[in-house]
Amino acid sequence: MKDMLLFAFDMNCVAHQSQGLWRHPRDRASNYTDMSYWTGIAKTLERGFFDGIFLADVSGLYDVFEGSPRAAIASATQIPTNDPFTLVPLMAGVTSHLTFGVTGNLSLESPYLFARRVSSLDHLTAGRFGWNIVTGYLDSAHKGMGEDGKQGHDVRYDIADEYMEIVYRLWEESWEDDAVVRDSDSGIFAEPSKVHEIVHEGEYFSMKGIHLCEPSPQRTPLLFQAGTSKKGRAFAGKHAECVFIVGNNPQAQSGVVEQLRQQASLNGRDPKDLKVIGGLSVIVGNSDLEAKEKFEDYRQYGSHQGALALISGWSGMDLSLEDDKKRIGHDNGDAIRGVFHHAGVSSIQDWVDRTTVGGATETIVGSPVTVVDQMNDWLDISGLDGFNLAYTVMPECVEDFVDLVVPELQNRGLMKTTYKEGTFRNKLYGKGNYLNDSHPASKYRR
C-alpha cells in the first residue's frame, strides 16, 4: 500500500477560493501579512506529516465580472495578494521536511531572472522547492505589464514550451557539476572553463548569458503543472512531474488521470513518473453531526459576489450576463479552458453556492472515520496519488485535519509516520535529486 500524498492548497492573500470566509469570527486569514501566521501554518503541516504546501498565485485582478474589479476588491477575491515566493524562506526556516510548490507565471517574467530566483530558493530550502508552471489566464495581469492582454490559450502553451527550453538549459547546462572548486590556495572559487554561456534565438525569446547561480541541490526544481485542456495535458505529459487536477467525482477524475499518464508515455516517459494530485476540501468534526453543523456555520459567511468574480475570472466570461438558472453547456472563454466541465456543475448558481466553501474542489464533511472512508474510496476509484487540500476557515481547518484526520489515516496505514530524507524529488520518488533520464531537460545536462 502506497502512502497518500498530501499538500495544503493556499495563497498569499485574504481569500483564495472559499469566498467570504475571512469574515468568520475564527478565521485568521486576514493576518496573511504577518510572518507568524505562515510559520505557524508550516509547523502545523509538518506536525501532521503533510508532504508540502502548494501556493497558488495570480498577477492581476479579477475584473471580468461586470467588466470591473469592484466585486473582487470589495470581497477580497484574491486581492490584495502578496508574492508567494517570499513565504518560502520563512516556512523553510521553521521546518525540516515540508516542501514548497509555488506558482510562477512564465508569461510575465524573463526566464533568465526567473531561473535565478528558483535556484536561489532551491539552495535556501536544501532542495525542498518546486515550481507550479502556469501560463496565466487574466488579461489584467498583462495589461499591468503594458500589454494589450494575454495571448490565446494554445499560443500561451507554445510560448511555455520555448520558455522551458531556456530555463532547462540555464539550470542543467550552464554550470558543470564540478565547476565550483572553492580552492582558497589558488584563489579560484569556480573554474571558468566549466561555466558555459547559453545562447538562445527562438520565436518568442532571445537570450545570451550564463546562469547566475551555481548548481542547486535539484538543479531543476520539482515541476508541477495544473492544465487539463488538450494542450495542457500534452504540456504536462512532456514536462510535469506532478499534475494538480480538480473534479467533482472520482469517476470523472480517473479518465483525466489516465489521459495524463498516456501523454507521459507518448513522450517516452514512465507513466509512474507522473504523480497526479486531486483537489479536495475537508470539514471534519468529532462526529458527523458536529461536522455538518460546522459546514452550515461556514456557509452563512460565504460571498456570492466574490464567488461570481472568481468564476468569471476563471472562465473568462462575464457571468453577470448569464441567467443564473441557465445550464452550462460550453466553455467559451479563453482563460482556464474547460473549467465548468471539470467542476461538474449544471448551473452558475450551483457553482456559486459550492465555491463559497471549498472553492473549485469537492468538499467532504464528516467525522474522521467518514472523511477517511471517502478519501480512501476516492483514491481507489480515481487512480490519484493524493490530494491538495483547499482551506476554508484558517488555520482552524488545517489544525482540525492534522488533529483528527491524520491519526485515522496513519492508523489505517494510508499515510506515513516518518519523513523520507532528502530533496523534494527524492522524497517523492526515492531516486535521487535530479530529473531522470527520460525527462526532456536531461538532454541538456553536461
Protein backbone atom coordinates (compact mmCIF):
# COMPACT_ATOMS: atom_id res chain seq x y z
CA MET A 1 0.00 0.00 0.00
CA LYS A 2 1.43 3.38 -1.03
CA ASP A 3 1.27 6.45 1.18
CA MET A 4 -1.28 9.07 0.25
CA LEU A 5 0.40 12.32 -0.81
CA LEU A 6 -0.99 15.37 0.98
CA PHE A 7 -0.47 19.03 0.17
CA ALA A 8 -2.15 22.10 1.64
CA PHE A 9 -3.58 24.42 -1.01
CA ASP A 10 -3.15 28.09 -0.09
CA MET A 11 -2.38 31.55 -1.43
CA ASN A 12 -0.65 34.62 -0.04
CA CYS A 13 -3.87 36.60 0.29
CA VAL A 14 -7.03 37.07 2.38
CA ALA A 15 -9.42 34.90 0.35
CA HIS A 16 -8.08 32.27 -2.00
CA GLN A 17 -11.10 30.18 -3.06
CA SER A 18 -13.66 30.00 -0.22
CA GLN A 19 -15.04 33.46 -0.84
CA GLY A 20 -16.27 35.38 2.19
CA LEU A 21 -15.00 33.04 4.89
CA TRP A 22 -12.44 35.62 6.02
CA ARG A 23 -15.42 37.18 7.83
CA HIS A 24 -15.86 34.13 10.08
CA PRO A 25 -15.05 35.08 13.70
CA ARG A 26 -12.48 32.28 14.00
CA ASP A 27 -10.77 32.94 10.67
CA ARG A 28 -7.28 34.46 10.77
CA ALA A 29 -6.54 34.68 7.02
CA SER A 30 -6.54 38.49 7.28
CA ASN A 31 -3.22 38.04 9.13
CA TYR A 32 -1.59 36.91 5.86
CA THR A 33 0.88 39.82 6.10
CA ASP A 34 2.29 38.51 9.42
CA MET A 35 5.29 36.16 9.41
CA SER A 36 3.96 34.29 12.43
CA TYR A 37 0.77 33.37 10.55
CA TRP A 38 2.73 31.49 7.89
CA THR A 39 5.34 29.96 10.17
CA GLY A 40 2.51 28.68 12.37
CA ILE A 41 0.83 27.01 9.40
CA ALA A 42 4.13 25.47 8.29
CA LYS A 43 4.77 23.99 11.74
CA THR A 44 1.26 22.54 11.89
CA LEU A 45 1.60 20.94 8.45
CA GLU A 46 4.92 19.34 9.34
CA ARG A 47 3.48 18.12 12.65
CA GLY A 48 0.77 16.47 10.55
CA PHE A 49 3.27 14.85 8.13
CA PHE A 50 1.97 16.77 5.12
CA ASP A 51 4.22 16.41 2.10
CA GLY A 52 4.10 20.11 1.37
CA ILE A 53 2.23 23.31 0.80
CA PHE A 54 1.08 24.27 -2.70
CA LEU A 55 0.89 28.05 -3.14
CA ALA A 56 -1.37 29.42 -5.85
CA ASP A 57 -0.89 32.87 -7.35
CA VAL A 58 -2.29 35.35 -9.86
CA SER A 59 -0.58 38.53 -11.04
CA GLY A 60 -3.69 40.51 -11.94
CA LEU A 61 -7.18 41.46 -10.83
CA TYR A 62 -10.45 39.59 -11.30
CA ASP A 63 -12.15 42.26 -13.40
CA VAL A 64 -14.23 40.16 -15.81
CA PHE A 65 -17.43 40.12 -13.71
CA GLU A 66 -19.48 43.21 -14.63
CA GLY A 67 -16.41 44.45 -16.51
CA SER A 68 -14.93 45.79 -13.29
CA PRO A 69 -12.71 44.72 -10.35
CA ARG A 70 -15.20 46.25 -7.88
CA ALA A 71 -16.74 42.96 -6.70
CA ALA A 72 -13.33 41.32 -6.33
CA ILE A 73 -11.88 44.22 -4.36
CA ALA A 74 -14.91 44.53 -2.07
CA SER A 75 -14.92 40.80 -1.24
CA ALA A 76 -11.12 40.32 -1.17
CA THR A 77 -11.26 37.83 -4.05
CA GLN A 78 -7.53 37.10 -4.36
CA ILE A 79 -6.89 40.84 -3.92
CA PRO A 80 -4.92 42.13 -2.06
CA THR A 81 -2.32 39.47 -2.70
CA ASN A 82 1.40 39.27 -1.93
CA ASP A 83 4.23 37.45 -3.69
CA PRO A 84 4.12 33.72 -2.81
CA PHE A 85 7.86 33.22 -3.31
CA THR A 86 8.58 35.43 -0.30
CA LEU A 87 6.89 32.92 2.02
CA VAL A 88 9.21 30.03 1.22
CA PRO A 89 12.28 31.07 3.29
CA LEU A 90 10.00 31.87 6.26
CA MET A 91 8.36 28.45 6.27
CA ALA A 92 11.50 26.56 5.34
CA GLY A 93 13.29 28.15 8.28
CA VAL A 94 10.92 26.60 10.83
CA THR A 95 10.62 23.16 9.20
CA SER A 96 12.97 20.38 8.14
CA HIS A 97 10.88 18.27 5.75
CA LEU A 98 7.93 20.30 4.44
CA THR A 99 8.19 21.00 0.70
CA PHE A 100 7.01 24.03 -1.26
CA GLY A 101 5.27 24.09 -4.62
CA VAL A 102 4.98 27.72 -5.75
CA THR A 103 3.06 29.05 -8.74
CA GLY A 104 5.08 31.16 -11.17
CA ASN A 105 3.58 32.67 -14.33
CA LEU A 106 6.12 32.28 -17.12
CA SER A 107 4.18 34.66 -19.39
CA LEU A 108 5.18 37.64 -17.27
CA GLU A 109 8.82 37.06 -16.30
CA SER A 110 12.17 36.87 -18.04
CA PRO A 111 13.40 33.25 -17.99
CA TYR A 112 16.90 34.50 -17.17
CA LEU A 113 15.87 36.20 -13.91
CA PHE A 114 13.20 33.64 -13.03
CA ALA A 115 15.77 30.84 -13.24
CA ARG A 116 17.91 32.68 -10.67
CA ARG A 117 15.02 33.11 -8.22
CA VAL A 118 14.17 29.42 -8.41
CA SER A 119 17.77 28.27 -7.97
CA SER A 120 18.14 30.64 -5.01
CA LEU A 121 15.11 29.11 -3.26
CA ASP A 122 16.24 25.58 -4.07
CA HIS A 123 19.54 26.42 -2.34
CA LEU A 124 17.88 28.02 0.70
CA THR A 125 15.45 25.12 1.20
CA ALA A 126 18.11 22.41 0.69
CA GLY A 127 16.22 21.18 -2.35
CA ARG A 128 12.67 21.33 -0.98
CA PHE A 129 11.42 23.62 -3.73
CA GLY A 130 9.01 23.02 -6.61
CA TRP A 131 7.61 25.23 -9.37
CA ASN A 132 3.98 25.13 -10.48
CA ILE A 133 4.22 26.11 -14.15
CA VAL A 134 1.35 28.33 -15.30
CA THR A 135 0.77 30.43 -18.41
CA GLY A 136 -1.74 32.79 -16.77
CA TYR A 137 -5.39 33.44 -17.56
CA LEU A 138 -6.07 37.06 -16.54
CA ASP A 139 -5.90 39.85 -19.13
CA SER A 140 -5.46 42.32 -16.28
CA ALA A 141 -2.03 40.86 -15.46
CA HIS A 142 -0.77 41.51 -18.97
CA LYS A 143 -2.29 44.98 -19.07
CA GLY A 144 -0.38 45.71 -15.87
CA MET A 145 2.77 44.77 -17.79
CA GLY A 146 1.97 47.24 -20.58
CA GLU A 147 0.47 44.71 -22.99
CA ASP A 148 -2.99 44.72 -24.60
CA GLY A 149 -3.87 41.42 -22.97
CA LYS A 150 -2.88 37.78 -22.83
CA GLN A 151 -2.13 35.63 -25.85
CA GLY A 152 -4.60 32.96 -26.98
CA HIS A 153 -4.85 29.75 -24.95
CA ASP A 154 -2.87 27.48 -27.29
CA VAL A 155 -0.27 30.15 -28.11
CA ARG A 156 0.43 30.51 -24.38
CA TYR A 157 1.45 26.85 -24.28
CA ASP A 158 3.69 27.27 -27.35
CA ILE A 159 5.42 30.14 -25.53
CA ALA A 160 5.69 27.95 -22.44
CA ASP A 161 7.46 25.18 -24.36
CA GLU A 162 10.14 27.58 -25.54
CA TYR A 163 10.45 29.12 -22.07
CA MET A 164 11.06 25.68 -20.58
CA GLU A 165 13.90 25.01 -23.03
CA ILE A 166 15.65 28.17 -21.85
CA VAL A 167 15.32 27.53 -18.11
CA TYR A 168 16.31 23.88 -18.55
CA ARG A 169 19.50 24.99 -20.29
CA LEU A 170 20.25 27.53 -17.57
CA TRP A 171 19.68 25.03 -14.75
CA GLU A 172 21.19 21.93 -16.37
CA GLU A 173 23.77 23.07 -18.93
CA SER A 174 25.34 26.33 -17.83
CA TRP A 175 27.36 25.01 -14.86
CA GLU A 176 29.06 21.63 -14.79
CA ASP A 177 28.77 19.59 -11.60
CA ASP A 178 32.39 20.18 -10.62
CA ALA A 179 32.64 23.82 -11.75
CA VAL A 180 32.74 25.12 -8.17
CA VAL A 181 36.11 24.18 -6.61
CA ARG A 182 36.38 26.65 -3.67
CA ASP A 183 40.18 26.49 -3.82
CA SER A 184 41.38 29.12 -1.34
CA ASP A 185 45.08 28.41 -2.04
CA SER A 186 44.81 29.26 -5.74
CA GLY A 187 42.13 31.88 -5.23
CA ILE A 188 39.80 30.12 -7.67
CA PHE A 189 36.24 29.70 -6.50
CA ALA A 190 34.83 28.35 -9.78
CA GLU A 191 36.62 27.02 -12.85
CA PRO A 192 35.69 29.34 -15.77
CA SER A 193 36.13 26.61 -18.39
CA LYS A 194 33.32 24.65 -16.73
CA VAL A 195 30.81 27.51 -16.73
CA HIS A 196 29.06 27.92 -20.08
CA GLU A 197 27.16 30.68 -21.82
CA ILE A 198 23.67 29.79 -23.02
CA VAL A 199 22.62 31.26 -26.36
CA HIS A 200 19.01 31.03 -27.46
CA GLU A 201 17.31 32.55 -30.52
CA GLY A 202 13.71 31.44 -30.84
CA GLU A 203 10.26 32.53 -31.96
CA TYR A 204 9.33 34.15 -28.65
CA PHE A 205 12.59 34.62 -26.74
CA SER A 206 16.20 35.63 -27.33
CA MET A 207 18.88 35.44 -24.67
CA LYS A 208 22.62 35.11 -24.23
CA GLY A 209 24.06 34.61 -20.79
CA ILE A 210 25.48 32.44 -18.04
CA HIS A 211 23.19 31.23 -15.27
CA LEU A 212 23.81 33.43 -12.25
CA CYS A 213 23.64 30.62 -9.67
CA GLU A 214 25.87 27.65 -9.03
CA PRO A 215 24.04 24.29 -9.29
CA SER A 216 21.35 23.95 -6.62
CA PRO A 217 20.51 20.63 -4.90
CA GLN A 218 17.95 19.65 -7.56
CA ARG A 219 19.25 21.86 -10.40
CA THR A 220 15.77 21.88 -11.99
CA PRO A 221 13.11 22.23 -9.26
CA LEU A 222 10.38 19.65 -8.93
CA LEU A 223 7.90 20.55 -11.68
CA PHE A 224 4.16 20.95 -11.08
CA GLN A 225 1.54 21.77 -13.68
CA ALA A 226 -2.22 22.24 -13.49
CA GLY A 227 -3.60 22.37 -17.03
CA THR A 228 -6.12 19.73 -18.14
CA SER A 229 -7.16 21.10 -21.55
CA LYS A 230 -5.92 19.09 -24.55
CA LYS A 231 -2.94 21.43 -24.92
CA GLY A 232 -2.40 21.45 -21.16
CA ARG A 233 -2.35 17.65 -20.93
CA ALA A 234 0.21 17.46 -23.74
CA PHE A 235 2.39 20.01 -21.92
CA ALA A 236 2.06 18.09 -18.65
CA GLY A 237 2.96 14.80 -20.30
CA LYS A 238 6.16 16.34 -21.59
CA HIS A 239 7.29 18.47 -18.65
CA ALA A 240 5.45 17.83 -15.37
CA GLU A 241 6.37 15.53 -12.51
CA CYS A 242 3.22 16.38 -10.52
CA VAL A 243 -0.10 17.46 -12.00
CA PHE A 244 -2.83 19.11 -9.96
CA ILE A 245 -6.39 18.47 -11.17
CA VAL A 246 -9.87 19.30 -9.88
CA GLY A 247 -13.11 17.41 -10.33
CA ASN A 248 -16.38 16.77 -8.57
CA ASN A 249 -16.20 12.97 -8.51
CA PRO A 250 -13.54 10.24 -8.64
CA GLN A 251 -15.02 8.54 -11.71
CA ALA A 252 -14.52 11.67 -13.81
CA GLN A 253 -11.04 12.18 -12.43
CA SER A 254 -9.99 8.64 -13.32
CA GLY A 255 -10.34 9.48 -17.01
CA VAL A 256 -8.18 12.58 -16.64
CA VAL A 257 -5.54 10.61 -14.71
CA GLU A 258 -5.40 8.01 -17.47
CA GLN A 259 -5.12 10.66 -20.19
CA LEU A 260 -2.27 12.40 -18.38
CA ARG A 261 -0.31 9.20 -17.96
CA GLN A 262 -0.86 8.30 -21.61
CA GLN A 263 0.62 11.68 -22.54
CA ALA A 264 3.68 10.90 -20.44
CA SER A 265 4.08 7.59 -22.30
CA LEU A 266 3.80 9.35 -25.65
CA ASN A 267 6.75 11.49 -24.59
CA GLY A 268 8.88 8.45 -23.80
CA ARG A 269 8.42 8.78 -20.05
CA ASP A 270 7.40 6.19 -17.49
CA PRO A 271 3.75 6.95 -16.55
CA LYS A 272 4.67 6.19 -12.93
CA ASP A 273 6.95 9.23 -13.02
CA LEU A 274 3.83 11.43 -13.20
CA LYS A 275 2.13 11.97 -9.85
CA VAL A 276 -1.45 13.23 -10.11
CA ILE A 277 -2.89 15.16 -7.17
CA GLY A 278 -6.61 15.94 -6.87
CA GLY A 279 -8.19 18.96 -5.25
CA LEU A 280 -10.34 18.34 -2.19
CA SER A 281 -11.74 20.26 0.76
CA VAL A 282 -12.44 18.63 4.14
CA ILE A 283 -14.58 19.80 7.04
CA VAL A 284 -14.18 17.42 9.96
CA GLY A 285 -15.69 17.20 13.43
CA ASN A 286 -15.66 14.67 16.25
CA SER A 287 -18.92 13.31 14.81
CA ASP A 288 -20.78 13.55 11.51
CA LEU A 289 -23.32 15.85 13.15
CA GLU A 290 -20.66 18.19 14.52
CA ALA A 291 -19.01 18.39 11.08
CA LYS A 292 -22.33 19.15 9.36
CA GLU A 293 -23.07 21.90 11.88
CA LYS A 294 -19.63 23.36 11.22
CA PHE A 295 -20.26 23.28 7.48
CA GLU A 296 -23.58 25.12 7.85
CA ASP A 297 -21.89 27.64 10.13
CA TYR A 298 -19.24 28.30 7.47
CA ARG A 299 -21.78 28.62 4.64
CA GLN A 300 -23.55 31.59 6.17
CA TYR A 301 -20.39 33.69 5.72
CA GLY A 302 -19.99 32.92 2.01
CA SER A 303 -19.85 35.78 -0.50
CA HIS A 304 -21.83 35.17 -3.69
CA GLN A 305 -20.47 38.34 -5.31
CA GLY A 306 -16.95 37.21 -4.54
CA ALA A 307 -17.67 33.78 -5.99
CA LEU A 308 -19.08 35.30 -9.20
CA ALA A 309 -16.00 37.49 -9.56
CA LEU A 310 -13.74 34.46 -9.09
CA ILE A 311 -15.58 32.16 -11.50
CA SER A 312 -15.86 34.90 -14.15
CA GLY A 313 -12.10 35.31 -13.97
CA TRP A 314 -11.50 31.57 -14.18
CA SER A 315 -13.73 31.14 -17.23
CA GLY A 316 -13.03 34.46 -18.95
CA MET A 317 -16.79 35.02 -19.25
CA ASP A 318 -18.76 37.77 -17.52
CA LEU A 319 -21.30 35.76 -15.56
CA SER A 320 -23.36 38.85 -14.78
CA LEU A 321 -24.62 38.46 -18.35
CA GLU A 322 -25.79 34.88 -17.83
CA ASP A 323 -29.11 33.67 -16.44
CA ASP A 324 -28.38 32.05 -13.07
CA LYS A 325 -30.56 29.08 -14.00
CA LYS A 326 -29.06 28.58 -17.44
CA ARG A 327 -27.36 25.22 -17.87
CA ILE A 328 -23.65 25.46 -18.65
CA GLY A 329 -23.20 23.57 -21.91
CA HIS A 330 -19.98 25.12 -23.14
CA ASP A 331 -16.87 26.93 -22.04
CA ASN A 332 -16.43 29.81 -24.48
CA GLY A 333 -13.80 31.68 -22.51
CA ASP A 334 -10.08 31.78 -23.26
CA ALA A 335 -8.90 31.70 -19.66
CA ILE A 336 -8.95 28.27 -17.94
CA ARG A 337 -10.22 26.02 -20.74
CA GLY A 338 -12.97 23.55 -19.72
CA VAL A 339 -13.33 24.98 -16.23
CA PHE A 340 -17.09 24.33 -15.98
CA HIS A 341 -16.75 20.81 -17.32
CA HIS A 342 -14.14 19.79 -14.79
CA ALA A 343 -16.13 21.30 -11.95
CA GLY A 344 -19.13 19.15 -12.89
CA VAL A 345 -21.69 21.91 -12.33
CA SER A 346 -25.06 22.26 -14.07
CA SER A 347 -25.68 25.94 -13.44
CA ILE A 348 -23.87 29.07 -12.46
CA GLN A 349 -25.81 29.31 -9.22
CA ASP A 350 -24.82 25.74 -8.37
CA TRP A 351 -21.13 26.61 -8.60
CA VAL A 352 -21.52 29.91 -6.80
CA ASP A 353 -23.10 28.05 -3.88
CA ARG A 354 -20.27 25.49 -3.85
CA THR A 355 -17.45 27.99 -4.30
CA THR A 356 -18.22 29.87 -1.09
CA VAL A 357 -16.99 26.84 0.91
CA GLY A 358 -14.17 24.84 -0.66
CA GLY A 359 -13.76 26.71 -3.92
CA ALA A 360 -13.34 24.64 -7.08
CA THR A 361 -12.88 21.42 -5.13
CA GLU A 362 -15.39 18.87 -3.82
CA THR A 363 -15.99 19.13 -0.06
CA ILE A 364 -16.12 16.10 2.24
CA VAL A 365 -17.94 16.66 5.53
CA GLY A 366 -17.93 14.23 8.44
CA SER A 367 -16.18 12.54 11.34
CA PRO A 368 -12.58 11.31 10.95
CA VAL A 369 -13.84 7.82 10.03
CA THR A 370 -16.29 9.19 7.47
CA VAL A 371 -13.69 11.50 5.95
CA VAL A 372 -11.02 8.81 5.64
CA ASP A 373 -13.52 6.29 4.22
CA GLN A 374 -14.42 8.75 1.47
CA MET A 375 -10.82 9.81 0.79
CA ASN A 376 -9.74 6.19 0.51
CA ASP A 377 -12.62 5.31 -1.82
CA TRP A 378 -11.83 8.38 -3.92
CA LEU A 379 -8.21 7.33 -4.35
CA ASP A 380 -9.15 3.75 -5.23
CA ILE A 381 -11.56 4.83 -7.95
CA SER A 382 -9.69 7.80 -9.39
CA GLY A 383 -6.14 6.45 -9.53
CA LEU A 384 -4.88 9.67 -7.92
CA ASP A 385 -1.68 9.68 -5.88
CA GLY A 386 -3.03 12.06 -3.25
CA PHE A 387 -4.83 15.30 -2.52
CA ASN A 388 -4.28 19.03 -2.49
CA LEU A 389 -6.47 20.22 0.40
CA ALA A 390 -8.15 23.59 -0.14
CA TYR A 391 -8.73 25.61 3.00
CA THR A 392 -11.95 27.01 4.44
CA VAL A 393 -11.59 28.76 7.82
CA MET A 394 -7.91 29.28 8.62
CA PRO A 395 -5.99 27.97 10.44
CA GLU A 396 -8.84 26.01 12.05
CA CYS A 397 -9.36 23.68 9.10
CA VAL A 398 -5.65 22.75 8.97
CA GLU A 399 -5.48 22.13 12.71
CA ASP A 400 -8.68 20.05 12.61
CA PHE A 401 -7.34 17.91 9.79
CA VAL A 402 -3.98 17.34 11.49
CA ASP A 403 -5.52 16.55 14.89
CA LEU A 404 -8.48 14.45 13.74
CA VAL A 405 -7.96 13.04 10.23
CA VAL A 406 -4.20 12.39 10.12
CA PRO A 407 -4.23 9.93 13.07
CA GLU A 408 -7.03 7.97 11.37
CA LEU A 409 -5.10 7.90 8.09
CA GLN A 410 -1.97 6.70 9.89
CA ASN A 411 -3.86 4.05 11.87
CA ARG A 412 -5.09 2.58 8.59
CA GLY A 413 -1.63 2.64 7.01
CA LEU A 414 -2.67 5.23 4.42
CA MET A 415 -0.20 7.90 5.49
CA LYS A 416 3.41 7.99 6.57
CA THR A 417 4.51 8.32 10.20
CA THR A 418 8.06 9.44 9.36
CA TYR A 419 9.50 11.65 6.65
CA LYS A 420 11.90 10.44 3.98
CA GLU A 421 15.16 12.40 3.92
CA GLY A 422 16.45 14.45 1.04
CA THR A 423 15.18 16.82 -1.62
CA PHE A 424 11.62 17.27 -2.82
CA ARG A 425 12.28 14.98 -5.78
CA ASN A 426 13.91 12.28 -3.67
CA LYS A 427 11.08 12.40 -1.13
CA LEU A 428 8.56 11.89 -3.93
CA TYR A 429 10.37 9.25 -5.99
CA GLY A 430 13.29 7.97 -3.90
CA LYS A 431 15.55 8.10 -6.97
CA GLY A 432 17.93 10.94 -6.17
CA ASN A 433 17.92 14.69 -6.61
CA TYR A 434 17.91 15.21 -10.35
CA LEU A 435 15.34 14.72 -13.10
CA ASN A 436 15.55 11.22 -14.56
CA ASP A 437 16.98 10.49 -17.98
CA SER A 438 13.59 10.22 -19.72
CA HIS A 439 12.70 13.83 -18.94
CA PRO A 440 13.37 16.31 -21.79
CA ALA A 441 15.52 18.50 -19.57
CA SER A 442 18.05 15.69 -19.11
CA LYS A 443 19.39 16.10 -22.65
CA TYR A 444 20.88 19.45 -21.65
CA ARG A 445 22.79 18.04 -18.66
CA ARG A 446 26.56 18.06 -19.12
